[in-house]
Amino acid sequence: MEERLISFTLYGQEFSFYSDVPDDEVQEAVSILRQELGEPEECGPTTTVPSSTLLVLACLRIAARHVNLQREFDKFHDERKKYKGRNELISGLIKRVATALDK
């Protein structure tokens, strides 16, 4: 996909960059950022805190959620590996018993 100029406004400031990310993904990301910032979708600036500070705080909140989701996924993955290992052990035992009974 070819890079193009992406522009959006947050708290009355326009942000622009080049990207090849699909438009729907950009809009979804901007929407998530607006939710983190507490900015209504169609409203202008509603705070006296500098936008750069708000953006950093929003990024930190998103990063914290990412860390939490990564930990939950790692825990799930570890539990799944244990479960799979137990199933393989049980399957091996069943095959041994079946082989012994067939003799």
N, C-alpha and C. Protein backbone atom coordinates (compact mmCIF):
# COMPACT_ATOMS: atom_id res chain seq x y z
N MET A 1 0.84 -1.17 0.00
CA MET A 1 0.00 0.00 0.00
C MET A 1 0.90 1.25 0.00
N GLU A 2 0.49 2.24 -0.70
CA GLU A 2 1.28 3.47 -0.84
C GLU A 2 1.05 4.41 0.34
N GLU A 3 2.12 5.07 0.79
CA GLU A 3 1.99 6.05 1.87
C GLU A 3 1.22 7.28 1.41
N ARG A 4 0.45 7.83 2.34
CA ARG A 4 -0.31 9.05 2.05
C ARG A 4 -0.35 9.88 3.32
N LEU A 5 -0.73 11.14 3.17
CA LEU A 5 -0.78 12.05 4.31
C LEU A 5 -2.03 11.77 5.13
N ILE A 6 -1.84 11.56 6.42
CA ILE A 6 -2.93 11.36 7.37
C ILE A 6 -3.00 12.61 8.23
N SER A 7 -4.18 13.17 8.42
CA SER A 7 -4.36 14.35 9.27
C SER A 7 -5.57 14.16 10.17
N PHE A 8 -5.43 14.62 11.41
CA PHE A 8 -6.57 14.62 12.34
C PHE A 8 -6.33 15.71 13.38
N THR A 9 -7.39 16.07 14.09
CA THR A 9 -7.32 17.14 15.07
C THR A 9 -7.65 16.59 16.45
N LEU A 10 -6.84 16.95 17.42
CA LEU A 10 -7.09 16.63 18.82
C LEU A 10 -6.90 17.89 19.63
N TYR A 11 -7.88 18.22 20.46
CA TYR A 11 -7.82 19.41 21.31
C TYR A 11 -7.42 20.65 20.53
N GLY A 12 -7.99 20.77 19.36
CA GLY A 12 -7.77 21.97 18.57
C GLY A 12 -6.45 22.03 17.83
N GLN A 13 -5.63 21.00 17.95
CA GLN A 13 -4.36 20.96 17.24
C GLN A 13 -4.44 19.93 16.13
N GLU A 14 -3.91 20.30 14.97
CA GLU A 14 -3.89 19.36 13.86
C GLU A 14 -2.59 18.58 13.86
N PHE A 15 -2.70 17.28 13.65
CA PHE A 15 -1.55 16.39 13.57
C PHE A 15 -1.56 15.76 12.18
N SER A 16 -0.39 15.71 11.55
CA SER A 16 -0.27 15.13 10.21
C SER A 16 0.98 14.27 10.14
N PHE A 17 0.87 13.16 9.41
CA PHE A 17 2.00 12.28 9.18
C PHE A 17 1.71 11.44 7.96
N TYR A 18 2.74 10.82 7.44
CA TYR A 18 2.59 9.93 6.29
C TYR A 18 2.54 8.50 6.79
N SER A 19 1.63 7.71 6.20
CA SER A 19 1.49 6.32 6.60
C SER A 19 0.83 5.52 5.49
N ASP A 20 1.07 4.22 5.51
CA ASP A 20 0.39 3.32 4.58
C ASP A 20 -0.68 2.49 5.30
N VAL A 21 -0.97 2.86 6.55
CA VAL A 21 -2.01 2.18 7.33
C VAL A 21 -3.37 2.49 6.72
N PRO A 22 -4.25 1.48 6.60
CA PRO A 22 -5.59 1.73 6.05
C PRO A 22 -6.36 2.78 6.85
N ASP A 23 -7.20 3.54 6.15
CA ASP A 23 -7.97 4.63 6.78
C ASP A 23 -8.79 4.16 7.97
N ASP A 24 -9.43 2.99 7.86
CA ASP A 24 -10.27 2.52 8.96
C ASP A 24 -9.44 2.25 10.22
N GLU A 25 -8.21 1.78 10.07
CA GLU A 25 -7.35 1.55 11.23
C GLU A 25 -6.90 2.88 11.85
N VAL A 26 -6.62 3.86 11.01
CA VAL A 26 -6.25 5.18 11.52
C VAL A 26 -7.41 5.77 12.31
N GLN A 27 -8.61 5.71 11.74
CA GLN A 27 -9.79 6.26 12.42
C GLN A 27 -10.06 5.55 13.75
N GLU A 28 -9.87 4.24 13.77
CA GLU A 28 -10.08 3.48 15.00
C GLU A 28 -9.04 3.87 16.06
N ALA A 29 -7.78 4.05 15.64
CA ALA A 29 -6.73 4.45 16.57
C ALA A 29 -6.99 5.85 17.12
N VAL A 30 -7.40 6.77 16.26
CA VAL A 30 -7.71 8.14 16.70
C VAL A 30 -8.89 8.12 17.66
N SER A 31 -9.87 7.28 17.38
CA SER A 31 -11.03 7.16 18.26
C SER A 31 -10.62 6.66 19.65
N ILE A 32 -9.74 5.65 19.68
CA ILE A 32 -9.24 5.13 20.97
C ILE A 32 -8.50 6.23 21.71
N LEU A 33 -7.68 6.98 21.01
CA LEU A 33 -6.93 8.07 21.65
C LEU A 33 -7.88 9.12 22.20
N ARG A 34 -8.92 9.45 21.45
CA ARG A 34 -9.91 10.43 21.94
C ARG A 34 -10.60 9.91 23.19
N GLN A 35 -10.90 8.61 23.22
CA GLN A 35 -11.52 8.03 24.42
C GLN A 35 -10.58 8.13 25.61
N GLU A 36 -9.31 7.84 25.38
CA GLU A 36 -8.33 7.92 26.47
C GLU A 36 -8.19 9.35 26.98
N LEU A 37 -8.26 10.30 26.07
CA LEU A 37 -8.12 11.70 26.44
C LEU A 37 -9.40 12.27 27.03
N GLY A 38 -10.51 11.58 26.81
CA GLY A 38 -11.78 12.09 27.30
C GLY A 38 -12.32 13.20 26.43
N GLU A 39 -11.82 13.30 25.20
CA GLU A 39 -12.29 14.35 24.29
C GLU A 39 -13.48 13.83 23.50
N PRO A 40 -14.61 14.54 23.54
CA PRO A 40 -15.73 14.14 22.70
C PRO A 40 -15.32 14.17 21.23
N GLU A 41 -15.85 13.27 20.44
CA GLU A 41 -15.46 13.11 19.04
C GLU A 41 -15.54 14.40 18.24
N GLU A 42 -16.56 15.20 18.45
CA GLU A 42 -16.76 16.38 17.60
C GLU A 42 -16.48 17.70 18.31
N CYS A 43 -15.96 17.65 19.53
CA CYS A 43 -15.74 18.89 20.27
C CYS A 43 -14.31 19.37 20.13
N GLY A 44 -14.12 20.61 20.40
CA GLY A 44 -12.78 21.20 20.37
C GLY A 44 -12.12 21.05 21.72
N PRO A 45 -11.15 21.96 22.01
CA PRO A 45 -10.40 21.87 23.26
C PRO A 45 -11.31 22.07 24.47
N THR A 46 -11.09 21.24 25.50
CA THR A 46 -11.93 21.33 26.70
C THR A 46 -11.08 21.34 27.97
N THR A 47 -9.78 21.64 27.84
CA THR A 47 -8.92 21.61 29.01
C THR A 47 -7.79 22.62 28.87
N THR A 48 -7.17 22.95 30.01
CA THR A 48 -6.02 23.86 29.97
C THR A 48 -4.70 23.11 30.03
N VAL A 49 -4.75 21.79 30.18
CA VAL A 49 -3.53 20.98 30.19
C VAL A 49 -2.98 20.93 28.78
N PRO A 50 -1.66 21.12 28.61
CA PRO A 50 -1.09 21.09 27.26
C PRO A 50 -1.37 19.76 26.55
N SER A 51 -1.65 19.86 25.25
CA SER A 51 -2.00 18.66 24.49
C SER A 51 -0.87 17.65 24.50
N SER A 52 0.38 18.10 24.52
CA SER A 52 1.50 17.16 24.54
C SER A 52 1.48 16.33 25.83
N THR A 53 1.14 16.96 26.94
CA THR A 53 1.03 16.24 28.21
C THR A 53 -0.11 15.23 28.16
N LEU A 54 -1.25 15.65 27.61
CA LEU A 54 -2.39 14.75 27.50
C LEU A 54 -2.06 13.56 26.61
N LEU A 55 -1.35 13.81 25.51
CA LEU A 55 -1.00 12.72 24.61
C LEU A 55 -0.07 11.72 25.29
N VAL A 56 0.89 12.22 26.05
CA VAL A 56 1.80 11.33 26.76
C VAL A 56 1.02 10.50 27.79
N LEU A 57 0.13 11.15 28.53
CA LEU A 57 -0.68 10.43 29.52
C LEU A 57 -1.56 9.37 28.86
N ALA A 58 -2.16 9.71 27.72
CA ALA A 58 -2.99 8.74 27.00
C ALA A 58 -2.13 7.58 26.52
N CYS A 59 -0.95 7.86 26.01
CA CYS A 59 -0.05 6.78 25.56
C CYS A 59 0.34 5.88 26.72
N LEU A 60 0.60 6.48 27.87
CA LEU A 60 0.95 5.67 29.05
C LEU A 60 -0.21 4.78 29.47
N ARG A 61 -1.42 5.29 29.42
CA ARG A 61 -2.59 4.47 29.78
C ARG A 61 -2.76 3.32 28.79
N ILE A 62 -2.59 3.61 27.52
CA ILE A 62 -2.70 2.56 26.50
C ILE A 62 -1.59 1.54 26.68
N ALA A 63 -0.37 2.01 26.95
CA ALA A 63 0.76 1.10 27.17
C ALA A 63 0.52 0.23 28.40
N ALA A 64 -0.04 0.80 29.46
CA ALA A 64 -0.33 0.03 30.67
C ALA A 64 -1.35 -1.07 30.37
N ARG A 65 -2.36 -0.75 29.58
CA ARG A 65 -3.34 -1.79 29.18
C ARG A 65 -2.67 -2.87 28.36
N HIS A 66 -1.76 -2.45 27.46
CA HIS A 66 -1.03 -3.42 26.65
C HIS A 66 -0.22 -4.37 27.53
N VAL A 67 0.50 -3.82 28.50
CA VAL A 67 1.30 -4.64 29.41
C VAL A 67 0.40 -5.62 30.14
N ASN A 68 -0.74 -5.16 30.63
CA ASN A 68 -1.67 -6.03 31.34
C ASN A 68 -2.19 -7.14 30.42
N LEU A 69 -2.57 -6.79 29.20
CA LEU A 69 -3.05 -7.81 28.26
C LEU A 69 -1.95 -8.80 27.90
N GLN A 70 -0.72 -8.32 27.75
CA GLN A 70 0.40 -9.20 27.44
C GLN A 70 0.63 -10.20 28.58
N ARG A 71 0.55 -9.72 29.82
CA ARG A 71 0.71 -10.62 30.97
C ARG A 71 -0.41 -11.65 31.03
N GLU A 72 -1.63 -11.22 30.78
CA GLU A 72 -2.76 -12.15 30.77
C GLU A 72 -2.58 -13.19 29.66
N PHE A 73 -2.14 -12.75 28.49
CA PHE A 73 -1.92 -13.68 27.38
C PHE A 73 -0.81 -14.67 27.72
N ASP A 74 0.30 -14.17 28.29
CA ASP A 74 1.40 -15.06 28.66
C ASP A 74 0.95 -16.11 29.67
N LYS A 75 0.14 -15.69 30.64
CA LYS A 75 -0.39 -16.63 31.64
C LYS A 75 -1.28 -17.66 30.96
N PHE A 76 -2.17 -17.21 30.07
CA PHE A 76 -3.04 -18.12 29.33
C PHE A 76 -2.21 -19.09 28.50
N HIS A 77 -1.20 -18.58 27.81
CA HIS A 77 -0.34 -19.41 26.96
C HIS A 77 0.38 -20.47 27.79
N ASP A 78 0.91 -20.09 28.96
CA ASP A 78 1.59 -21.05 29.83
C ASP A 78 0.63 -22.13 30.32
N GLU A 79 -0.58 -21.73 30.72
CA GLU A 79 -1.58 -22.70 31.17
C GLU A 79 -1.97 -23.63 30.03
N ARG A 80 -2.07 -23.09 28.84
CA ARG A 80 -2.43 -23.89 27.66
C ARG A 80 -1.34 -24.93 27.36
N LYS A 81 -0.07 -24.52 27.49
CA LYS A 81 1.03 -25.46 27.27
C LYS A 81 0.99 -26.59 28.29
N LYS A 82 0.70 -26.26 29.55
CA LYS A 82 0.59 -27.30 30.58
C LYS A 82 -0.55 -28.26 30.26
N TYR A 83 -1.68 -27.70 29.85
CA TYR A 83 -2.84 -28.52 29.50
C TYR A 83 -2.52 -29.43 28.33
N LYS A 84 -1.87 -28.87 27.31
CA LYS A 84 -1.50 -29.66 26.13
C LYS A 84 -0.53 -30.77 26.53
N GLY A 85 0.43 -30.47 27.39
CA GLY A 85 1.37 -31.47 27.86
C GLY A 85 0.68 -32.60 28.60
N ARG A 86 -0.29 -32.26 29.43
CA ARG A 86 -1.05 -33.29 30.15
C ARG A 86 -1.85 -34.16 29.19
N ASN A 87 -2.45 -33.52 28.18
CA ASN A 87 -3.22 -34.29 27.20
C ASN A 87 -2.32 -35.24 26.43
N GLU A 88 -1.12 -34.79 26.06
CA GLU A 88 -0.19 -35.65 25.36
C GLU A 88 0.25 -36.81 26.24
N LEU A 89 0.47 -36.57 27.52
CA LEU A 89 0.83 -37.62 28.46
C LEU A 89 -0.28 -38.64 28.57
N ILE A 90 -1.51 -38.17 28.73
CA ILE A 90 -2.66 -39.07 28.86
C ILE A 90 -2.84 -39.88 27.57
N SER A 91 -2.70 -39.23 26.41
CA SER A 91 -2.83 -39.94 25.13
C SER A 91 -1.77 -41.02 25.00
N GLY A 92 -0.55 -40.70 25.44
CA GLY A 92 0.53 -41.69 25.39
C GLY A 92 0.24 -42.87 26.29
N LEU A 93 -0.29 -42.60 27.47
CA LEU A 93 -0.63 -43.67 28.40
C LEU A 93 -1.75 -44.55 27.83
N ILE A 94 -2.75 -43.92 27.22
CA ILE A 94 -3.85 -44.69 26.63
C ILE A 94 -3.34 -45.60 25.52
N LYS A 95 -2.44 -45.08 24.68
CA LYS A 95 -1.86 -45.90 23.61
C LYS A 95 -1.08 -47.07 24.16
N ARG A 96 -0.32 -46.85 25.24
CA ARG A 96 0.45 -47.94 25.86
C ARG A 96 -0.47 -49.01 26.41
N VAL A 97 -1.53 -48.58 27.11
CA VAL A 97 -2.49 -49.53 27.68
C VAL A 97 -3.17 -50.31 26.57
N ALA A 98 -3.59 -49.59 25.50
CA ALA A 98 -4.26 -50.24 24.39
C ALA A 98 -3.33 -51.25 23.72
N THR A 99 -2.08 -50.90 23.55
CA THR A 99 -1.10 -51.82 22.94
C THR A 99 -0.89 -53.03 23.81
N ALA A 100 -0.80 -52.81 25.12
CA ALA A 100 -0.60 -53.93 26.05
C ALA A 100 -1.81 -54.85 26.06
N LEU A 101 -3.01 -54.30 25.94
CA LEU A 101 -4.21 -55.12 25.95
C LEU A 101 -4.38 -55.90 24.64
N ASP A 102 -3.85 -55.35 23.55
CA ASP A 102 -3.96 -56.03 22.26
C ASP A 102 -3.04 -57.24 22.17
N LYS A 103 -2.03 -57.33 23.02
CA LYS A 103 -1.06 -58.44 22.94
C LYS A 103 -1.59 -59.69 23.53
